[in-house]
Amino acid sequence: MASPEKVLTHRILLRHGSRPDLRLWRNETGTFKAPDGSYVSCGLCKGSSDLIGIKIVGSCGMFIAIEVKTAGTATTDLQTAFIEQIIGMGGIAGIVGSLEDVDVLLGVPPK
């Protein structure tokens, strides 16, 4: 059974995936051992958000980072630092726990 965070991440992608002004991708991070015994890292970097993307704002593309957290989970210091860096450089970033949180983060008018 999928974790609540994975379920919410999937729902976010379903809800916003067909928008013409937005692209979101799942960003899995981690390290695995290759068959030759070496280690391979994947994802952007430690602490990078669960979803990354680009949103068209005016005539520019803005980087988006969405950290998905549900009840009983907390952000790490690295995740918080990543979000703060994106915001500090003019991007859109935040921690969400619901579809409504994502709508607010992305500037979607309330229904």
PDB file of N, CA and C in Angstrom:
ATOM      1  N   MET A   1       0.838  -1.181   0.000  1.00  0.00           N
ATOM      2  CA  MET A   1       0.000   0.000   0.000  1.00  0.00           C
ATOM      3  C   MET A   1       0.891   1.255   0.000  1.00  0.00           C
ATOM      4  N   ALA A   2       0.514   2.219  -0.802  1.00  0.00           N
ATOM      5  CA  ALA A   2       1.295   3.452  -0.929  1.00  0.00           C
ATOM      6  C   ALA A   2       1.145   4.318   0.318  1.00  0.00           C
ATOM      7  N   SER A   3       2.215   5.026   0.651  1.00  0.00           N
ATOM      8  CA  SER A   3       2.189   5.929   1.798  1.00  0.00           C
ATOM      9  C   SER A   3       1.274   7.122   1.493  1.00  0.00           C
ATOM     10  N   PRO A   4       0.764   7.788   2.538  1.00  0.00           N
ATOM     11  CA  PRO A   4      -0.073   8.977   2.302  1.00  0.00           C
ATOM     12  C   PRO A   4       0.642  10.049   1.475  1.00  0.00           C
ATOM     13  N   GLU A   5       1.960  10.195   1.668  1.00  0.00           N
ATOM     14  CA  GLU A   5       2.708  11.181   0.874  1.00  0.00           C
ATOM     15  C   GLU A   5       2.731  10.805  -0.600  1.00  0.00           C
ATOM     16  N   LYS A   6       2.925   9.534  -0.898  1.00  0.00           N
ATOM     17  CA  LYS A   6       2.935   9.100  -2.309  1.00  0.00           C
ATOM     18  C   LYS A   6       1.556   9.279  -2.932  1.00  0.00           C
ATOM     19  N   VAL A   7       0.498   8.995  -2.160  1.00  0.00           N
ATOM     20  CA  VAL A   7      -0.866   9.174  -2.663  1.00  0.00           C
ATOM     21  C   VAL A   7      -1.120  10.651  -2.974  1.00  0.00           C
ATOM     22  N   LEU A   8      -0.743  11.547  -2.056  1.00  0.00           N
ATOM     23  CA  LEU A   8      -0.943  12.981  -2.285  1.00  0.00           C
ATOM     24  C   LEU A   8      -0.104  13.455  -3.469  1.00  0.00           C
ATOM     25  N   THR A   9       1.122  12.986  -3.577  1.00  0.00           N
ATOM     26  CA  THR A   9       1.978  13.365  -4.709  1.00  0.00           C
ATOM     27  C   THR A   9       1.311  12.969  -6.024  1.00  0.00           C
ATOM     28  N   HIS A  10       0.769  11.773  -6.088  1.00  0.00           N
ATOM     29  CA  HIS A  10       0.070  11.294  -7.285  1.00  0.00           C
ATOM     30  C   HIS A  10      -1.146  12.177  -7.581  1.00  0.00           C
ATOM     31  N   ARG A  11      -1.897  12.529  -6.552  1.00  0.00           N
ATOM     32  CA  ARG A  11      -3.084  13.384  -6.740  1.00  0.00           C
ATOM     33  C   ARG A  11      -2.685  14.777  -7.244  1.00  0.00           C
ATOM     34  N   ILE A  12      -1.575  15.296  -6.744  1.00  0.00           N
ATOM     35  CA  ILE A  12      -1.083  16.598  -7.219  1.00  0.00           C
ATOM     36  C   ILE A  12      -0.745  16.526  -8.708  1.00  0.00           C
ATOM     37  N   LEU A  13      -0.046  15.467  -9.101  1.00  0.00           N
ATOM     38  CA  LEU A  13       0.319  15.314 -10.511  1.00  0.00           C
ATOM     39  C   LEU A  13      -0.917  15.151 -11.386  1.00  0.00           C
ATOM     40  N   LEU A  14      -1.918  14.426 -10.912  1.00  0.00           N
ATOM     41  CA  LEU A  14      -3.159  14.269 -11.675  1.00  0.00           C
ATOM     42  C   LEU A  14      -3.895  15.602 -11.810  1.00  0.00           C
ATOM     43  N   ARG A  15      -3.935  16.356 -10.732  1.00  0.00           N
ATOM     44  CA  ARG A  15      -4.675  17.622 -10.733  1.00  0.00           C
ATOM     45  C   ARG A  15      -4.005  18.697 -11.582  1.00  0.00           C
ATOM     46  N   HIS A  16      -2.690  18.777 -11.533  1.00  0.00           N
ATOM     47  CA  HIS A  16      -1.988  19.873 -12.195  1.00  0.00           C
ATOM     48  C   HIS A  16      -1.201  19.446 -13.438  1.00  0.00           C
ATOM     49  N   GLY A  17      -1.172  18.170 -13.731  1.00  0.00           N
ATOM     50  CA  GLY A  17      -0.352  17.651 -14.814  1.00  0.00           C
ATOM     51  C   GLY A  17      -0.756  18.064 -16.209  1.00  0.00           C
ATOM     52  N   SER A  18      -2.006  18.448 -16.398  1.00  0.00           N
ATOM     53  CA  SER A  18      -2.453  18.804 -17.747  1.00  0.00           C
ATOM     54  C   SER A  18      -2.523  20.317 -17.973  1.00  0.00           C
ATOM     55  N   ARG A  19      -2.059  21.089 -17.004  1.00  0.00           N
ATOM     56  CA  ARG A  19      -2.078  22.547 -17.167  1.00  0.00           C
ATOM     57  C   ARG A  19      -1.068  22.968 -18.235  1.00  0.00           C
ATOM     58  N   PRO A  20      -1.474  23.857 -19.147  1.00  0.00           N
ATOM     59  CA  PRO A  20      -0.542  24.281 -20.200  1.00  0.00           C
ATOM     60  C   PRO A  20       0.574  25.194 -19.691  1.00  0.00           C
ATOM     61  N   ASP A  21       0.395  25.795 -18.509  1.00  0.00           N
ATOM     62  CA  ASP A  21       1.391  26.732 -17.988  1.00  0.00           C
ATOM     63  C   ASP A  21       2.323  26.104 -16.956  1.00  0.00           C
ATOM     64  N   LEU A  22       2.278  24.783 -16.803  1.00  0.00           N
ATOM     65  CA  LEU A  22       2.998  24.150 -15.708  1.00  0.00           C
ATOM     66  C   LEU A  22       3.492  22.760 -16.096  1.00  0.00           C
ATOM     67  N   ARG A  23       4.707  22.439 -15.682  1.00  0.00           N
ATOM     68  CA  ARG A  23       5.240  21.080 -15.811  1.00  0.00           C
ATOM     69  C   ARG A  23       5.799  20.691 -14.455  1.00  0.00           C
ATOM     70  N   LEU A  24       5.398  19.523 -13.981  1.00  0.00           N
ATOM     71  CA  LEU A  24       5.903  18.993 -12.712  1.00  0.00           C
ATOM     72  C   LEU A  24       6.470  17.602 -12.942  1.00  0.00           C
ATOM     73  N   TRP A  25       7.573  17.314 -12.248  1.00  0.00           N
ATOM     74  CA  TRP A  25       8.183  15.991 -12.312  1.00  0.00           C
ATOM     75  C   TRP A  25       8.453  15.487 -10.908  1.00  0.00           C
ATOM     76  N   ARG A  26       8.293  14.187 -10.730  1.00  0.00           N
ATOM     77  CA  ARG A  26       8.635  13.548  -9.458  1.00  0.00           C
ATOM     78  C   ARG A  26      10.151  13.527  -9.348  1.00  0.00           C
ATOM     79  N   ASN A  27      10.677  13.906  -8.208  1.00  0.00           N
ATOM     80  CA  ASN A  27      12.115  13.962  -7.990  1.00  0.00           C
ATOM     81  C   ASN A  27      12.496  12.974  -6.893  1.00  0.00           C
ATOM     82  N   GLU A  28      12.818  11.778  -7.275  1.00  0.00           N
ATOM     83  CA  GLU A  28      13.276  10.768  -6.312  1.00  0.00           C
ATOM     84  C   GLU A  28      14.758  10.989  -6.064  1.00  0.00           C
ATOM     85  N   THR A  29      15.151  10.999  -4.815  1.00  0.00           N
ATOM     86  CA  THR A  29      16.565  11.113  -4.492  1.00  0.00           C
ATOM     87  C   THR A  29      17.009   9.889  -3.709  1.00  0.00           C
ATOM     88  N   GLY A  30      18.255   9.565  -3.831  1.00  0.00           N
ATOM     89  CA  GLY A  30      18.783   8.440  -3.075  1.00  0.00           C
ATOM     90  C   GLY A  30      20.079   7.929  -3.666  1.00  0.00           C
ATOM     91  N   THR A  31      20.550   6.852  -3.086  1.00  0.00           N
ATOM     92  CA  THR A  31      21.777   6.205  -3.533  1.00  0.00           C
ATOM     93  C   THR A  31      21.521   4.706  -3.591  1.00  0.00           C
ATOM     94  N   PHE A  32      22.022   4.058  -4.629  1.00  0.00           N
ATOM     95  CA  PHE A  32      21.890   2.605  -4.719  1.00  0.00           C
ATOM     96  C   PHE A  32      23.219   1.997  -5.139  1.00  0.00           C
ATOM     97  N   LYS A  33      23.343   0.730  -4.828  1.00  0.00           N
ATOM     98  CA  LYS A  33      24.564   0.011  -5.169  1.00  0.00           C
ATOM     99  C   LYS A  33      24.393  -0.630  -6.543  1.00  0.00           C
ATOM    100  N   ALA A  34      25.299  -0.302  -7.445  1.00  0.00           N
ATOM    101  CA  ALA A  34      25.281  -0.844  -8.801  1.00  0.00           C
ATOM    102  C   ALA A  34      25.850  -2.263  -8.801  1.00  0.00           C
ATOM    103  N   PRO A  35      25.568  -3.035  -9.853  1.00  0.00           N
ATOM    104  CA  PRO A  35      26.073  -4.409  -9.926  1.00  0.00           C
ATOM    105  C   PRO A  35      27.598  -4.528  -9.797  1.00  0.00           C
ATOM    106  N   ASP A  36      28.309  -3.475 -10.210  1.00  0.00           N
ATOM    107  CA  ASP A  36      29.776  -3.542 -10.109  1.00  0.00           C
ATOM    108  C   ASP A  36      30.293  -3.162  -8.719  1.00  0.00           C
ATOM    109  N   GLY A  37      29.373  -2.896  -7.791  1.00  0.00           N
ATOM    110  CA  GLY A  37      29.760  -2.566  -6.422  1.00  0.00           C
ATOM    111  C   GLY A  37      29.912  -1.081  -6.142  1.00  0.00           C
ATOM    112  N   SER A  38      29.861  -0.255  -7.185  1.00  0.00           N
ATOM    113  CA  SER A  38      29.952   1.188  -6.976  1.00  0.00           C
ATOM    114  C   SER A  38      28.592   1.731  -6.518  1.00  0.00           C
ATOM    115  N   TYR A  39      28.589   2.945  -6.013  1.00  0.00           N
ATOM    116  CA  TYR A  39      27.346   3.579  -5.577  1.00  0.00           C
ATOM    117  C   TYR A  39      26.969   4.690  -6.532  1.00  0.00           C
ATOM    118  N   VAL A  40      25.688   4.781  -6.834  1.00  0.00           N
ATOM    119  CA  VAL A  40      25.180   5.763  -7.775  1.00  0.00           C
ATOM    120  C   VAL A  40      24.127   6.605  -7.060  1.00  0.00           C
ATOM    121  N   SER A  41      24.265   7.927  -7.144  1.00  0.00           N
ATOM    122  CA  SER A  41      23.267   8.831  -6.576  1.00  0.00           C
ATOM    123  C   SER A  41      22.274   9.218  -7.660  1.00  0.00           C
ATOM    124  N   CYS A  42      21.025   9.446  -7.258  1.00  0.00           N
ATOM    125  CA  CYS A  42      20.013   9.880  -8.213  1.00  0.00           C
ATOM    126  C   CYS A  42      19.218  11.031  -7.608  1.00  0.00           C
ATOM    127  N   GLY A  43      18.551  11.784  -8.456  1.00  0.00           N
ATOM    128  CA  GLY A  43      17.809  12.955  -8.022  1.00  0.00           C
ATOM    129  C   GLY A  43      18.683  14.189  -8.079  1.00  0.00           C
ATOM    130  N   LEU A  44      18.083  15.336  -7.805  1.00  0.00           N
ATOM    131  CA  LEU A  44      18.835  16.594  -7.875  1.00  0.00           C
ATOM    132  C   LEU A  44      19.941  16.643  -6.840  1.00  0.00           C
ATOM    133  N   CYS A  45      19.581  16.585  -5.569  1.00  0.00           N
ATOM    134  CA  CYS A  45      20.549  16.633  -4.475  1.00  0.00           C
ATOM    135  C   CYS A  45      19.819  16.238  -3.194  1.00  0.00           C
ATOM    136  N   LYS A  46      20.558  15.916  -2.170  1.00  0.00           N
ATOM    137  CA  LYS A  46      19.926  15.616  -0.888  1.00  0.00           C
ATOM    138  C   LYS A  46      19.141  16.845  -0.445  1.00  0.00           C
ATOM    139  N   GLY A  47      17.919  16.619  -0.012  1.00  0.00           N
ATOM    140  CA  GLY A  47      17.077  17.714   0.450  1.00  0.00           C
ATOM    141  C   GLY A  47      16.210  18.331  -0.618  1.00  0.00           C
ATOM    142  N   SER A  48      16.452  17.986  -1.893  1.00  0.00           N
ATOM    143  CA  SER A  48      15.618  18.571  -2.949  1.00  0.00           C
ATOM    144  C   SER A  48      14.188  18.052  -2.830  1.00  0.00           C
ATOM    145  N   SER A  49      13.251  18.854  -3.287  1.00  0.00           N
ATOM    146  CA  SER A  49      11.823  18.597  -3.072  1.00  0.00           C
ATOM    147  C   SER A  49      11.287  17.411  -3.865  1.00  0.00           C
ATOM    148  N   ASP A  50      10.135  16.900  -3.399  1.00  0.00           N
ATOM    149  CA  ASP A  50       9.489  15.737  -4.007  1.00  0.00           C
ATOM    150  C   ASP A  50       9.059  15.996  -5.448  1.00  0.00           C
ATOM    151  N   LEU A  51       8.563  17.196  -5.692  1.00  0.00           N
ATOM    152  CA  LEU A  51       8.149  17.581  -7.041  1.00  0.00           C
ATOM    153  C   LEU A  51       8.930  18.824  -7.449  1.00  0.00           C
ATOM    154  N   ILE A  52       9.424  18.810  -8.653  1.00  0.00           N
ATOM    155  CA  ILE A  52      10.095  19.979  -9.205  1.00  0.00           C
ATOM    156  C   ILE A  52       9.440  20.299 -10.539  1.00  0.00           C
ATOM    157  N   GLY A  53       9.557  21.542 -10.966  1.00  0.00           N
ATOM    158  CA  GLY A  53       8.942  21.885 -12.230  1.00  0.00           C
ATOM    159  C   GLY A  53       9.203  23.303 -12.660  1.00  0.00           C
ATOM    160  N   ILE A  54       8.423  23.705 -13.654  1.00  0.00           N
ATOM    161  CA  ILE A  54       8.503  25.034 -14.235  1.00  0.00           C
ATOM    162  C   ILE A  54       7.078  25.542 -14.433  1.00  0.00           C
ATOM    163  N   LYS A  55       6.861  26.794 -14.053  1.00  0.00           N
ATOM    164  CA  LYS A  55       5.565  27.445 -14.263  1.00  0.00           C
ATOM    165  C   LYS A  55       5.804  28.697 -15.083  1.00  0.00           C
ATOM    166  N   ILE A  56       4.994  28.897 -16.113  1.00  0.00           N
ATOM    167  CA  ILE A  56       5.078  30.111 -16.911  1.00  0.00           C
ATOM    168  C   ILE A  56       4.410  31.239 -16.138  1.00  0.00           C
ATOM    169  N   VAL A  57       5.173  32.308 -15.922  1.00  0.00           N
ATOM    170  CA  VAL A  57       4.661  33.513 -15.267  1.00  0.00           C
ATOM    171  C   VAL A  57       5.029  34.676 -16.175  1.00  0.00           C
ATOM    172  N   GLY A  58       4.020  35.258 -16.805  1.00  0.00           N
ATOM    173  CA  GLY A  58       4.285  36.294 -17.811  1.00  0.00           C
ATOM    174  C   GLY A  58       4.985  35.648 -18.989  1.00  0.00           C
ATOM    175  N   SER A  59       6.171  36.136 -19.313  1.00  0.00           N
ATOM    176  CA  SER A  59       6.932  35.549 -20.415  1.00  0.00           C
ATOM    177  C   SER A  59       8.134  34.750 -19.917  1.00  0.00           C
ATOM    178  N   CYS A  60       8.143  34.445 -18.622  1.00  0.00           N
ATOM    179  CA  CYS A  60       9.279  33.732 -18.027  1.00  0.00           C
ATOM    180  C   CYS A  60       8.842  32.403 -17.435  1.00  0.00           C
ATOM    181  N   GLY A  61       9.795  31.501 -17.319  1.00  0.00           N
ATOM    182  CA  GLY A  61       9.565  30.247 -16.617  1.00  0.00           C
ATOM    183  C   GLY A  61      10.153  30.339 -15.219  1.00  0.00           C
ATOM    184  N   MET A  62       9.364  29.986 -14.216  1.00  0.00           N
ATOM    185  CA  MET A  62       9.836  30.017 -12.827  1.00  0.00           C
ATOM    186  C   MET A  62      10.010  28.598 -12.323  1.00  0.00           C
ATOM    187  N   PHE A  63      11.133  28.351 -11.648  1.00  0.00           N
ATOM    188  CA  PHE A  63      11.401  27.042 -11.056  1.00  0.00           C
ATOM    189  C   PHE A  63      10.442  26.829  -9.895  1.00  0.00           C
ATOM    190  N   ILE A  64       9.933  25.607  -9.785  1.00  0.00           N
ATOM    191  CA  ILE A  64       9.009  25.240  -8.714  1.00  0.00           C
ATOM    192  C   ILE A  64       9.579  24.054  -7.960  1.00  0.00           C
ATOM    193  N   ALA A  65       9.457  24.096  -6.633  1.00  0.00           N
ATOM    194  CA  ALA A  65       9.839  22.976  -5.774  1.00  0.00           C
ATOM    195  C   ALA A  65       8.729  22.769  -4.746  1.00  0.00           C
ATOM    196  N   ILE A  66       8.159  21.571  -4.726  1.00  0.00           N
ATOM    197  CA  ILE A  66       7.064  21.260  -3.810  1.00  0.00           C
ATOM    198  C   ILE A  66       7.471  20.080  -2.941  1.00  0.00           C
ATOM    199  N   GLU A  67       7.524  20.314  -1.642  1.00  0.00           N
ATOM    200  CA  GLU A  67       7.824  19.262  -0.670  1.00  0.00           C
ATOM    201  C   GLU A  67       6.496  18.765  -0.099  1.00  0.00           C
ATOM    202  N   VAL A  68       6.214  17.487  -0.286  1.00  0.00           N
ATOM    203  CA  VAL A  68       4.949  16.899   0.152  1.00  0.00           C
ATOM    204  C   VAL A  68       5.138  16.268   1.526  1.00  0.00           C
ATOM    205  N   LYS A  69       4.340  16.730   2.482  1.00  0.00           N
ATOM    206  CA  LYS A  69       4.380  16.191   3.843  1.00  0.00           C
ATOM    207  C   LYS A  69       2.956  15.949   4.315  1.00  0.00           C
ATOM    208  N   THR A  70       2.741  14.830   4.981  1.00  0.00           N
ATOM    209  CA  THR A  70       1.439  14.523   5.551  1.00  0.00           C
ATOM    210  C   THR A  70       1.607  14.353   7.061  1.00  0.00           C
ATOM    211  N   ALA A  71       0.510  14.124   7.739  1.00  0.00           N
ATOM    212  CA  ALA A  71       0.533  14.005   9.205  1.00  0.00           C
ATOM    213  C   ALA A  71       1.599  13.019   9.656  1.00  0.00           C
ATOM    214  N   GLY A  72       2.349  13.430  10.656  1.00  0.00           N
ATOM    215  CA  GLY A  72       3.370  12.556  11.221  1.00  0.00           C
ATOM    216  C   GLY A  72       4.714  12.607  10.528  1.00  0.00           C
ATOM    217  N   THR A  73       4.837  13.439   9.488  1.00  0.00           N
ATOM    218  CA  THR A  73       6.126  13.578   8.815  1.00  0.00           C
ATOM    219  C   THR A  73       6.597  15.019   8.947  1.00  0.00           C
ATOM    220  N   ALA A  74       7.893  15.201   8.945  1.00  0.00           N
ATOM    221  CA  ALA A  74       8.455  16.545   9.100  1.00  0.00           C
ATOM    222  C   ALA A  74       9.577  16.742   8.085  1.00  0.00           C
ATOM    223  N   THR A  75       9.812  17.997   7.751  1.00  0.00           N
ATOM    224  CA  THR A  75      10.898  18.296   6.833  1.00  0.00           C
ATOM    225  C   THR A  75      12.238  18.194   7.556  1.00  0.00           C
ATOM    226  N   THR A  76      13.248  17.834   6.796  1.00  0.00           N
ATOM    227  CA  THR A  76      14.609  17.813   7.331  1.00  0.00           C
ATOM    228  C   THR A  76      15.221  19.203   7.176  1.00  0.00           C
ATOM    229  N   ASP A  77      16.341  19.433   7.828  1.00  0.00           N
ATOM    230  CA  ASP A  77      17.038  20.708   7.674  1.00  0.00           C
ATOM    231  C   ASP A  77      17.450  20.933   6.220  1.00  0.00           C
ATOM    232  N   LEU A  78      17.870  19.860   5.534  1.00  0.00           N
ATOM    233  CA  LEU A  78      18.270  19.989   4.132  1.00  0.00           C
ATOM    234  C   LEU A  78      17.079  20.356   3.244  1.00  0.00           C
ATOM    235  N   GLN A  79      15.901  19.781   3.525  1.00  0.00           N
ATOM    236  CA  GLN A  79      14.703  20.103   2.740  1.00  0.00           C
ATOM    237  C   GLN A  79      14.296  21.563   2.948  1.00  0.00           C
ATOM    238  N   THR A  80      14.347  22.007   4.192  1.00  0.00           N
ATOM    239  CA  THR A  80      14.020  23.405   4.495  1.00  0.00           C
ATOM    240  C   THR A  80      15.001  24.341   3.804  1.00  0.00           C
ATOM    241  N   ALA A  81      16.277  24.021   3.858  1.00  0.00           N
ATOM    242  CA  ALA A  81      17.297  24.858   3.208  1.00  0.00           C
ATOM    243  C   ALA A  81      17.087  24.914   1.697  1.00  0.00           C
ATOM    244  N   PHE A  82      16.716  23.785   1.083  1.00  0.00           N
ATOM    245  CA  PHE A  82      16.466  23.755  -0.360  1.00  0.00           C
ATOM    246  C   PHE A  82      15.310  24.692  -0.714  1.00  0.00           C
ATOM    247  N   ILE A  83      14.218  24.593   0.031  1.00  0.00           N
ATOM    248  CA  ILE A  83      13.046  25.433  -0.220  1.00  0.00           C
ATOM    249  C   ILE A  83      13.408  26.909  -0.047  1.00  0.00           C
ATOM    250  N   GLU A  84      14.118  27.230   1.023  1.00  0.00           N
ATOM    251  CA  GLU A  84      14.519  28.618   1.266  1.00  0.00           C
ATOM    252  C   GLU A  84      15.416  29.149   0.153  1.00  0.00           C
ATOM    253  N   GLN A  85      16.293  28.289  -0.367  1.00  0.00           N
ATOM    254  CA  GLN A  85      17.168  28.717  -1.459  1.00  0.00           C
ATOM    255  C   GLN A  85      16.366  29.026  -2.714  1.00  0.00           C
ATOM    256  N   ILE A  86      15.398  28.185  -3.042  1.00  0.00           N
ATOM    257  CA  ILE A  86      14.576  28.410  -4.243  1.00  0.00           C
ATOM    258  C   ILE A  86      13.800  29.715  -4.099  1.00  0.00           C
ATOM    259  N   ILE A  87      13.184  29.927  -2.953  1.00  0.00           N
ATOM    260  CA  ILE A  87      12.433  31.168  -2.720  1.00  0.00           C
ATOM    261  C   ILE A  87      13.379  32.364  -2.790  1.00  0.00           C
ATOM    262  N   GLY A  88      14.542  32.252  -2.172  1.00  0.00           N
ATOM    263  CA  GLY A  88      15.512  33.340  -2.152  1.00  0.00           C
ATOM    264  C   GLY A  88      16.024  33.718  -3.524  1.00  0.00           C
ATOM    265  N   MET A  89      15.963  32.782  -4.459  1.00  0.00           N
ATOM    266  CA  MET A  89      16.433  33.056  -5.817  1.00  0.00           C
ATOM    267  C   MET A  89      15.285  33.370  -6.774  1.00  0.00           C
ATOM    268  N   GLY A  90      14.074  33.597  -6.207  1.00  0.00           N
ATOM    269  CA  GLY A  90      12.948  34.037  -7.019  1.00  0.00           C
ATOM    270  C   GLY A  90      12.030  32.944  -7.516  1.00  0.00           C
ATOM    271  N   GLY A  91      12.248  31.717  -7.087  1.00  0.00           N
ATOM    272  CA  GLY A  91      11.385  30.616  -7.502  1.00  0.00           C
ATOM    273  C   GLY A  91      10.166  30.476  -6.608  1.00  0.00           C
ATOM    274  N   ILE A  92       9.362  29.491  -6.921  1.00  0.00           N
ATOM    275  CA  ILE A  92       8.167  29.164  -6.145  1.00  0.00           C
ATOM    276  C   ILE A  92       8.466  27.869  -5.411  1.00  0.00           C
ATOM    277  N   ALA A  93       8.334  27.871  -4.094  1.00  0.00           N
ATOM    278  CA  ALA A  93       8.629  26.660  -3.329  1.00  0.00           C
ATOM    279  C   ALA A  93       7.840  26.661  -2.030  1.00  0.00           C
ATOM    280  N   GLY A  94       7.522  25.463  -1.560  1.00  0.00           N
ATOM    281  CA  GLY A  94       6.825  25.368  -0.291  1.00  0.00           C
ATOM    282  C   GLY A  94       6.574  23.938   0.113  1.00  0.00           C
ATOM    283  N   ILE A  95       6.052  23.813   1.318  1.00  0.00           N
ATOM    284  CA  ILE A  95       5.683  22.522   1.890  1.00  0.00           C
ATOM    285  C   ILE A  95       4.166  22.430   1.828  1.00  0.00           C
ATOM    286  N   VAL A  96       3.668  21.320   1.301  1.00  0.00           N
ATOM    287  CA  VAL A  96       2.224  21.153   1.158  1.00  0.00           C
ATOM    288  C   VAL A  96       1.767  19.867   1.848  1.00  0.00           C
ATOM    289  N   GLY A  97       0.545  19.919   2.361  1.00  0.00           N
ATOM    290  CA  GLY A  97      -0.044  18.743   2.988  1.00  0.00           C
ATOM    291  C   GLY A  97      -1.404  18.400   2.424  1.00  0.00           C
ATOM    292  N   SER A  98      -1.829  19.163   1.399  1.00  0.00           N
ATOM    293  CA  SER A  98      -3.138  18.926   0.785  1.00  0.00           C
ATOM    294  C   SER A  98      -3.150  19.521  -0.620  1.00  0.00           C
ATOM    295  N   LEU A  99      -4.163  19.150  -1.395  1.00  0.00           N
ATOM    296  CA  LEU A  99      -4.318  19.735  -2.731  1.00  0.00           C
ATOM    297  C   LEU A  99      -4.575  21.239  -2.632  1.00  0.00           C
ATOM    298  N   GLU A 100      -5.287  21.646  -1.591  1.00  0.00           N
ATOM    299  CA  GLU A 100      -5.568  23.062  -1.404  1.00  0.00           C
ATOM    300  C   GLU A 100      -4.277  23.844  -1.156  1.00  0.00           C
ATOM    301  N   ASP A 101      -3.347  23.255  -0.391  1.00  0.00           N
ATOM    302  CA  ASP A 101      -2.041  23.895  -0.166  1.00  0.00           C
ATOM    303  C   ASP A 101      -1.317  24.122  -1.483  1.00  0.00           C
ATOM    304  N   VAL A 102      -1.391  23.143  -2.378  1.00  0.00           N
ATOM    305  CA  VAL A 102      -0.733  23.264  -3.688  1.00  0.00           C
ATOM    306  C   VAL A 102      -1.377  24.380  -4.502  1.00  0.00           C
ATOM    307  N   ASP A 103      -2.707  24.437  -4.467  1.00  0.00           N
ATOM    308  CA  ASP A 103      -3.416  25.503  -5.198  1.00  0.00           C
ATOM    309  C   ASP A 103      -2.950  26.882  -4.733  1.00  0.00           C
ATOM    310  N   VAL A 104      -2.827  27.056  -3.423  1.00  0.00           N
ATOM    311  CA  VAL A 104      -2.381  28.341  -2.875  1.00  0.00           C
ATOM    312  C   VAL A 104      -0.953  28.625  -3.329  1.00  0.00           C
ATOM    313  N   LEU A 105      -0.078  27.628  -3.214  1.00  0.00           N
ATOM    314  CA  LEU A 105       1.320  27.801  -3.612  1.00  0.00           C
ATOM    315  C   LEU A 105       1.450  28.198  -5.075  1.00  0.00           C
ATOM    316  N   LEU A 106       0.639  27.581  -5.926  1.00  0.00           N
ATOM    317  CA  LEU A 106       0.721  27.832  -7.364  1.00  0.00           C
ATOM    318  C   LEU A 106      -0.150  28.987  -7.836  1.00  0.00           C
ATOM    319  N   GLY A 107      -0.871  29.619  -6.900  1.00  0.00           N
ATOM    320  CA  GLY A 107      -1.705  30.772  -7.265  1.00  0.00           C
ATOM    321  C   GLY A 107      -2.961  30.424  -8.012  1.00  0.00           C
ATOM    322  N   VAL A 108      -3.538  29.252  -7.725  1.00  0.00           N
ATOM    323  CA  VAL A 108      -4.780  28.841  -8.371  1.00  0.00           C
ATOM    324  C   VAL A 108      -5.949  29.486  -7.610  1.00  0.00           C
ATOM    325  N   PRO A 109      -6.858  30.170  -8.300  1.00  0.00           N
ATOM    326  CA  PRO A 109      -7.996  30.784  -7.607  1.00  0.00           C
ATOM    327  C   PRO A 109      -8.846  29.725  -6.902  1.00  0.00           C
ATOM    328  N   PRO A 110      -9.395  30.060  -5.719  1.00  0.00           N
ATOM    329  CA  PRO A 110     -10.252  29.107  -4.998  1.00  0.00           C
ATOM    330  C   PRO A 110     -11.478  28.752  -5.829  1.00  0.00           C
ATOM    331  N   LYS A 111     -11.945  27.523  -5.642  1.00  0.00           N
ATOM    332  CA  LYS A 111     -13.135  27.069  -6.386  1.00  0.00           C
ATOM    333  C   LYS A 111     -14.402  27.405  -5.636  1.00  0.00           C
TER     334      LYS A 111
END
